[in-house]
Amino acid sequence: MATICFYQDIRHEAELCWIRNQLNIGYLSRRNDGMSELRINGYRQIKRVLEKLLPYIRFKRVQARALLRACHILNQKTLKNLSESRLKKLVEFIMIIQQEKNEPKKSFIQF
């Protein structure tokens, strides 16, 4: 399963509600640590959201592109019906997502 999560302090939950309403997808929940999260699940939904948001993503662009490409593959056929070459591509995209996730934070400076 593919999932996108947006996290925000509970005090700013209204912004997550706004995102949910704009995208007309996902569900909100409150965590025990004082955070709210908007979760969007499923390959089709993730693909649809990323296609809309990709031009605006600044900090997780590499991961977003890899996830979008992975969702495109998984949206076409079931995992067990993918060709070996498509499976290899899928693994490449998953590795990109994992690698980006584990890289140290880079400072962002804009002039």
N, C-alpha and C. Protein backbone atom coordinates (compact mmCIF):
# COMPACT_ATOMS: atom_id res chain seq x y z
N MET A 1 0.84 -1.18 0.00
CA MET A 1 0.00 0.00 0.00
C MET A 1 0.89 1.24 0.00
N ALA A 2 0.44 2.24 -0.69
CA ALA A 2 1.13 3.53 -0.69
C ALA A 2 0.33 4.50 0.17
N THR A 3 1.04 5.32 0.94
CA THR A 3 0.39 6.29 1.83
C THR A 3 1.16 7.60 1.83
N ILE A 4 0.43 8.68 1.80
CA ILE A 4 1.00 10.01 2.02
C ILE A 4 0.42 10.51 3.33
N CYS A 5 1.28 11.04 4.19
CA CYS A 5 0.83 11.61 5.47
C CYS A 5 1.27 13.06 5.56
N PHE A 6 0.33 13.89 5.96
CA PHE A 6 0.61 15.29 6.29
C PHE A 6 0.44 15.41 7.80
N TYR A 7 1.44 15.93 8.49
CA TYR A 7 1.39 16.07 9.95
C TYR A 7 1.34 17.53 10.33
N GLN A 8 0.63 17.82 11.42
CA GLN A 8 0.53 19.18 11.90
C GLN A 8 0.15 19.14 13.38
N ASP A 9 0.63 20.09 14.13
CA ASP A 9 0.22 20.22 15.52
C ASP A 9 -1.31 20.35 15.57
N ILE A 10 -1.93 19.76 16.58
CA ILE A 10 -3.40 19.78 16.70
C ILE A 10 -3.94 21.20 16.65
N ARG A 11 -3.17 22.17 17.16
CA ARG A 11 -3.62 23.57 17.14
C ARG A 11 -3.83 24.09 15.72
N HIS A 12 -3.21 23.44 14.75
CA HIS A 12 -3.30 23.87 13.36
C HIS A 12 -4.01 22.82 12.49
N GLU A 13 -4.89 22.08 13.11
CA GLU A 13 -5.62 21.02 12.41
C GLU A 13 -6.50 21.57 11.28
N ALA A 14 -6.93 22.80 11.41
CA ALA A 14 -7.80 23.41 10.39
C ALA A 14 -7.12 23.41 9.02
N GLU A 15 -5.81 23.59 8.99
CA GLU A 15 -5.09 23.59 7.72
C GLU A 15 -5.14 22.21 7.07
N LEU A 16 -5.05 21.17 7.89
CA LEU A 16 -5.17 19.82 7.34
C LEU A 16 -6.58 19.57 6.81
N CYS A 17 -7.57 20.08 7.51
CA CYS A 17 -8.96 19.98 7.04
C CYS A 17 -9.11 20.68 5.70
N TRP A 18 -8.47 21.83 5.56
CA TRP A 18 -8.53 22.57 4.30
C TRP A 18 -7.92 21.75 3.16
N ILE A 19 -6.75 21.14 3.42
CA ILE A 19 -6.10 20.31 2.40
C ILE A 19 -7.02 19.16 2.02
N ARG A 20 -7.58 18.50 3.02
CA ARG A 20 -8.49 17.38 2.77
C ARG A 20 -9.67 17.82 1.91
N ASN A 21 -10.24 18.96 2.24
CA ASN A 21 -11.38 19.47 1.48
C ASN A 21 -11.00 19.84 0.05
N GLN A 22 -9.81 20.42 -0.13
CA GLN A 22 -9.36 20.80 -1.47
C GLN A 22 -9.13 19.58 -2.35
N LEU A 23 -8.54 18.54 -1.75
CA LEU A 23 -8.23 17.32 -2.50
C LEU A 23 -9.42 16.36 -2.53
N ASN A 24 -10.36 16.55 -1.60
CA ASN A 24 -11.53 15.68 -1.48
C ASN A 24 -11.13 14.21 -1.32
N ILE A 25 -10.15 13.99 -0.44
CA ILE A 25 -9.64 12.64 -0.25
C ILE A 25 -8.91 12.54 1.08
N GLY A 26 -8.82 11.35 1.63
CA GLY A 26 -8.06 11.11 2.85
C GLY A 26 -8.91 11.18 4.10
N TYR A 27 -8.26 10.94 5.23
CA TYR A 27 -8.96 11.04 6.51
C TYR A 27 -8.03 11.61 7.55
N LEU A 28 -8.62 12.34 8.49
CA LEU A 28 -7.89 13.00 9.57
C LEU A 28 -7.97 12.19 10.84
N SER A 29 -6.89 12.20 11.58
CA SER A 29 -6.90 11.56 12.90
C SER A 29 -5.99 12.34 13.83
N ARG A 30 -6.27 12.20 15.11
CA ARG A 30 -5.43 12.83 16.14
C ARG A 30 -4.59 11.75 16.80
N ARG A 31 -3.30 12.06 16.91
CA ARG A 31 -2.38 11.12 17.55
C ARG A 31 -2.25 11.45 19.03
N ASN A 32 -1.70 10.53 19.79
CA ASN A 32 -1.51 10.73 21.23
C ASN A 32 -0.42 11.74 21.56
N ASP A 33 0.40 12.11 20.58
CA ASP A 33 1.52 13.02 20.84
C ASP A 33 1.20 14.48 20.51
N GLY A 34 -0.09 14.80 20.38
CA GLY A 34 -0.49 16.18 20.12
C GLY A 34 -0.44 16.58 18.66
N MET A 35 -0.30 15.62 17.79
CA MET A 35 -0.25 15.90 16.35
C MET A 35 -1.51 15.37 15.68
N SER A 36 -1.90 16.06 14.63
CA SER A 36 -2.97 15.59 13.76
C SER A 36 -2.33 15.12 12.47
N GLU A 37 -2.95 14.18 11.82
CA GLU A 37 -2.40 13.73 10.54
C GLU A 37 -3.51 13.51 9.53
N LEU A 38 -3.19 13.85 8.31
CA LEU A 38 -4.05 13.58 7.18
C LEU A 38 -3.39 12.45 6.41
N ARG A 39 -4.09 11.33 6.28
CA ARG A 39 -3.54 10.17 5.59
C ARG A 39 -4.32 9.92 4.31
N ILE A 40 -3.58 9.68 3.24
CA ILE A 40 -4.18 9.35 1.95
C ILE A 40 -3.57 8.02 1.53
N ASN A 41 -4.41 7.01 1.30
CA ASN A 41 -3.96 5.66 1.00
C ASN A 41 -4.40 5.22 -0.39
N GLY A 42 -3.62 4.32 -0.97
CA GLY A 42 -4.00 3.69 -2.23
C GLY A 42 -3.25 4.25 -3.42
N TYR A 43 -2.89 3.37 -4.34
CA TYR A 43 -2.09 3.77 -5.51
C TYR A 43 -2.80 4.80 -6.38
N ARG A 44 -4.08 4.58 -6.67
CA ARG A 44 -4.82 5.52 -7.53
C ARG A 44 -4.93 6.90 -6.89
N GLN A 45 -5.25 6.90 -5.59
CA GLN A 45 -5.41 8.17 -4.89
C GLN A 45 -4.09 8.92 -4.79
N ILE A 46 -3.04 8.18 -4.46
CA ILE A 46 -1.70 8.80 -4.34
C ILE A 46 -1.27 9.37 -5.68
N LYS A 47 -1.47 8.60 -6.73
CA LYS A 47 -1.11 9.06 -8.08
C LYS A 47 -1.86 10.35 -8.41
N ARG A 48 -3.14 10.38 -8.13
CA ARG A 48 -3.96 11.57 -8.43
C ARG A 48 -3.48 12.79 -7.65
N VAL A 49 -3.20 12.60 -6.35
CA VAL A 49 -2.74 13.71 -5.51
C VAL A 49 -1.36 14.19 -5.93
N LEU A 50 -0.44 13.27 -6.18
CA LEU A 50 0.91 13.67 -6.56
C LEU A 50 0.94 14.39 -7.90
N GLU A 51 0.10 13.98 -8.83
CA GLU A 51 0.05 14.67 -10.11
C GLU A 51 -0.38 16.13 -9.92
N LYS A 52 -1.27 16.37 -8.97
CA LYS A 52 -1.72 17.73 -8.69
C LYS A 52 -0.67 18.54 -7.92
N LEU A 53 0.00 17.89 -6.96
CA LEU A 53 0.88 18.61 -6.05
C LEU A 53 2.33 18.72 -6.51
N LEU A 54 2.77 17.86 -7.39
CA LEU A 54 4.19 17.81 -7.75
C LEU A 54 4.78 19.16 -8.15
N PRO A 55 4.09 19.99 -8.90
CA PRO A 55 4.69 21.29 -9.24
C PRO A 55 4.97 22.18 -8.02
N TYR A 56 4.32 21.90 -6.90
CA TYR A 56 4.44 22.75 -5.72
C TYR A 56 5.33 22.15 -4.62
N ILE A 57 5.73 20.91 -4.78
CA ILE A 57 6.54 20.24 -3.75
C ILE A 57 7.96 20.76 -3.83
N ARG A 58 8.51 21.13 -2.66
CA ARG A 58 9.86 21.69 -2.63
C ARG A 58 10.84 20.80 -1.88
N PHE A 59 10.42 20.14 -0.82
CA PHE A 59 11.37 19.45 0.04
C PHE A 59 11.44 17.94 -0.18
N LYS A 60 10.43 17.34 -0.73
CA LYS A 60 10.41 15.89 -0.92
C LYS A 60 10.17 15.55 -2.39
N ARG A 61 10.67 16.38 -3.27
CA ARG A 61 10.42 16.22 -4.70
C ARG A 61 10.94 14.89 -5.25
N VAL A 62 12.13 14.49 -4.87
CA VAL A 62 12.71 13.23 -5.38
C VAL A 62 11.84 12.05 -4.94
N GLN A 63 11.45 12.04 -3.66
CA GLN A 63 10.59 10.98 -3.16
C GLN A 63 9.23 11.01 -3.86
N ALA A 64 8.68 12.19 -4.05
CA ALA A 64 7.36 12.31 -4.68
C ALA A 64 7.38 11.78 -6.11
N ARG A 65 8.42 12.11 -6.86
CA ARG A 65 8.52 11.61 -8.24
C ARG A 65 8.66 10.09 -8.27
N ALA A 66 9.49 9.56 -7.38
CA ALA A 66 9.66 8.10 -7.33
C ALA A 66 8.37 7.41 -6.94
N LEU A 67 7.66 7.96 -5.96
CA LEU A 67 6.39 7.37 -5.54
C LEU A 67 5.35 7.45 -6.66
N LEU A 68 5.31 8.56 -7.36
CA LEU A 68 4.39 8.71 -8.48
C LEU A 68 4.66 7.67 -9.55
N ARG A 69 5.90 7.46 -9.88
CA ARG A 69 6.26 6.45 -10.88
C ARG A 69 5.93 5.03 -10.40
N ALA A 70 6.17 4.77 -9.12
CA ALA A 70 5.83 3.46 -8.56
C ALA A 70 4.32 3.24 -8.60
N CYS A 71 3.55 4.25 -8.26
CA CYS A 71 2.08 4.14 -8.28
C CYS A 71 1.57 3.93 -9.71
N HIS A 72 2.23 4.56 -10.65
CA HIS A 72 1.85 4.37 -12.05
C HIS A 72 2.00 2.90 -12.45
N ILE A 73 3.10 2.29 -12.06
CA ILE A 73 3.34 0.87 -12.36
C ILE A 73 2.30 0.01 -11.64
N LEU A 74 2.11 0.25 -10.35
CA LEU A 74 1.21 -0.58 -9.56
C LEU A 74 -0.26 -0.36 -9.91
N ASN A 75 -0.58 0.74 -10.49
CA ASN A 75 -1.95 1.04 -10.89
C ASN A 75 -2.33 0.27 -12.16
N GLN A 76 -1.34 -0.17 -12.92
CA GLN A 76 -1.60 -0.85 -14.18
C GLN A 76 -1.95 -2.33 -14.00
N LYS A 77 -1.24 -3.00 -13.11
CA LYS A 77 -1.43 -4.44 -12.91
C LYS A 77 -1.21 -4.78 -11.45
N THR A 78 -1.64 -5.97 -11.06
CA THR A 78 -1.35 -6.44 -9.72
C THR A 78 0.13 -6.78 -9.63
N LEU A 79 0.64 -6.77 -8.43
CA LEU A 79 2.07 -7.01 -8.22
C LEU A 79 2.52 -8.34 -8.81
N LYS A 80 1.73 -9.38 -8.64
CA LYS A 80 2.14 -10.70 -9.14
C LYS A 80 2.08 -10.80 -10.66
N ASN A 81 1.40 -9.86 -11.33
CA ASN A 81 1.31 -9.89 -12.79
C ASN A 81 2.30 -8.95 -13.48
N LEU A 82 3.19 -8.34 -12.71
CA LEU A 82 4.18 -7.44 -13.31
C LEU A 82 5.31 -8.24 -13.94
N SER A 83 5.83 -7.73 -15.05
CA SER A 83 6.99 -8.37 -15.68
C SER A 83 8.22 -8.16 -14.81
N GLU A 84 9.25 -8.93 -15.08
CA GLU A 84 10.48 -8.81 -14.30
C GLU A 84 11.08 -7.42 -14.43
N SER A 85 11.04 -6.85 -15.62
CA SER A 85 11.61 -5.51 -15.81
C SER A 85 10.81 -4.45 -15.04
N ARG A 86 9.49 -4.59 -15.00
CA ARG A 86 8.66 -3.64 -14.24
C ARG A 86 8.90 -3.80 -12.74
N LEU A 87 9.08 -5.04 -12.30
CA LEU A 87 9.39 -5.28 -10.88
C LEU A 87 10.72 -4.64 -10.50
N LYS A 88 11.70 -4.76 -11.37
CA LYS A 88 13.00 -4.15 -11.11
C LYS A 88 12.88 -2.63 -11.02
N LYS A 89 12.09 -2.04 -11.93
CA LYS A 89 11.87 -0.60 -11.90
C LYS A 89 11.20 -0.20 -10.59
N LEU A 90 10.21 -0.99 -10.18
CA LEU A 90 9.49 -0.72 -8.94
C LEU A 90 10.45 -0.73 -7.75
N VAL A 91 11.32 -1.72 -7.70
CA VAL A 91 12.31 -1.81 -6.62
C VAL A 91 13.24 -0.60 -6.66
N GLU A 92 13.64 -0.16 -7.84
CA GLU A 92 14.48 1.04 -7.96
C GLU A 92 13.79 2.25 -7.34
N PHE A 93 12.50 2.42 -7.64
CA PHE A 93 11.76 3.55 -7.09
C PHE A 93 11.65 3.46 -5.57
N ILE A 94 11.43 2.26 -5.07
CA ILE A 94 11.35 2.06 -3.62
C ILE A 94 12.70 2.39 -2.97
N MET A 95 13.77 1.97 -3.60
CA MET A 95 15.11 2.27 -3.07
C MET A 95 15.38 3.78 -3.07
N ILE A 96 14.94 4.48 -4.09
CA ILE A 96 15.11 5.94 -4.13
C ILE A 96 14.37 6.57 -2.96
N ILE A 97 13.14 6.13 -2.73
CA ILE A 97 12.35 6.68 -1.62
C ILE A 97 13.05 6.42 -0.29
N GLN A 98 13.53 5.19 -0.08
CA GLN A 98 14.21 4.85 1.17
C GLN A 98 15.51 5.63 1.33
N GLN A 99 16.27 5.75 0.25
CA GLN A 99 17.55 6.47 0.31
C GLN A 99 17.33 7.94 0.66
N GLU A 100 16.36 8.56 0.04
CA GLU A 100 16.07 9.97 0.33
C GLU A 100 15.57 10.14 1.75
N LYS A 101 14.83 9.18 2.23
CA LYS A 101 14.28 9.24 3.58
C LYS A 101 15.39 9.24 4.62
N ASN A 102 16.47 8.52 4.35
CA ASN A 102 17.54 8.34 5.32
C ASN A 102 18.69 9.32 5.16
N GLU A 103 18.64 10.19 4.16
CA GLU A 103 19.72 11.16 3.99
C GLU A 103 19.62 12.23 5.07
N PRO A 104 20.77 12.74 5.51
CA PRO A 104 20.73 13.83 6.49
C PRO A 104 20.01 15.05 5.93
N LYS A 105 19.41 15.80 6.80
CA LYS A 105 18.68 16.99 6.38
C LYS A 105 19.64 18.01 5.78
N LYS A 106 19.25 18.56 4.67
CA LYS A 106 20.04 19.60 4.00
C LYS A 106 19.38 20.94 4.29
N SER A 107 20.20 21.92 4.53
CA SER A 107 19.62 23.25 4.78
C SER A 107 19.08 23.80 3.46
N PHE A 108 18.04 24.57 3.57
CA PHE A 108 17.40 25.15 2.40
C PHE A 108 17.52 26.67 2.50
N ILE A 109 18.24 27.23 1.55
CA ILE A 109 18.44 28.67 1.53
C ILE A 109 17.88 29.20 0.21
N GLN A 110 17.04 30.21 0.31
CA GLN A 110 16.47 30.80 -0.89
C GLN A 110 16.78 32.29 -0.90
N PHE A 111 17.25 32.77 -2.01
CA PHE A 111 17.58 34.19 -2.16
C PHE A 111 16.56 34.87 -3.01
